[in-house]
Amino acid sequence: MLLIVSGCSASAQLVPAGISYQGILRGPDGLELSNQAVTVEFAVREQTAEGTIVYEENHPLIETNQFGLFQTVIGSGIYTGVGAYTNLSTIPWETGVYFMEVRATMPGQGNPQIIGISQLLAVPYALFSDQANTVLNETDGDPFNEVITGVSLSATQLIIEEGDSSYGIDLSLLQWDNDVSNELITSVVTSSPTQIQIAEGSNLTTGDLSAIAFNTWNRTSNIVYNSLDRIGIGTSQPTSSLHIDGSISVSTRVITSQITSTSDTLKMSDHALLCNVTLGDLTLKLPDAATCEGRIYKVRKLFSGINTIYNINLVPMMAGQTIDLNSSFVMSHEEAEYATIISDGNNWFLLQHSKE
């Protein structure tokens, strides 16, 4: 029989390659195993204490001191070949629940004996924080400010400091419940990109982290915007407010008088409109120009055959609004015809009109 008292420690500020571990070994008589050479094995199991081993390592001939105390670093041992991961840093700590099983082989004994198994909570997950070097899920436009410089508690406010900024989360719901058996935070999760939920027993506190997530980008209930920076897609040196170095796709919709009605109100998702008037006239109703300043629609008139007698009528949906200062615009050419229209925030205007 073996008894062990152990502890783990790791630094989350400068993440180590392993986890410090120490314990005291005792024999069946309860006395410390002093000045002995023992072999210790560590196995990481996923989901449950009896779950699949995802990593296992061996530490041969560790010396105990006069008090039976030994110490080592989990992660510095010899990989045994058991498990899908070859070292601690490759285990996806952020995606699952893990348990550490500790075994020891005593002098003169054969097979290793399990001397302890417990769920890994905070310390090993500091290894995952090392991935912050790659700035995962960068959202505020500044990849150099992703360091929390301080965390403190002021009354019922949890204060998180990030560079020169500080943010508070109200934890008042986690106290004064007169139940001493539930003083354990059971989970901390992000319920949305900007919400954090802290569960303590049956109490649940939700905090808003949008001030941290959107330092450069601003967010309202349904709008995300940036009025300061140049945005680059496919380039690290944008020269305009939006600079795309790559391909662009736009929404394309086919409209016919056969499968729809003889009129169709254009939507926010429309951009290129292929309008088939083979069977009859088609009216396109333009949305309120005041709600879509700068929106552009491209309209292509097409039909089966050499020419057509049918038209496309462009009509503002809102009374009083115009197209090139007129109440409507008619694409009436008997052959193929093209038009590009734009809203200035008050009315609609033709940017281009051509016909074959």
Foldseek 3Di string as FASTA:
>chain_A
DWAKDKDWAADLVDGDQWIKMKIFIDDPVRATPAFFFKKKKKFKAFDDQPHATAWIFIDGGFTAHRRRMTIDTQFPGHTPPGHNDRTLLPPPVVPGKMKMWMWMDGPPGDDTDTHDMDTDDPHSCSSVSVCLVVVPPQAAPDSPQPDFPDWDDDPQWIWTHTVPDIDTFGRVQLDDPPDPVQNDFPDWDAPDPFWIWIDTPPTIGIGGRVVVRHVQWDDDPPDIDGDDDQDEDPDPDDPDNYHYDDDDDADEDEAECPPDPQEDEDDPRAAEYEYEQQPAAHEYEYEALLVFAFHKHKYKYDYPDAWAQYKYKYAYPDPPAPECPHRIDIGGGRFIKIWMWGRRNHHIYTPDIDGD
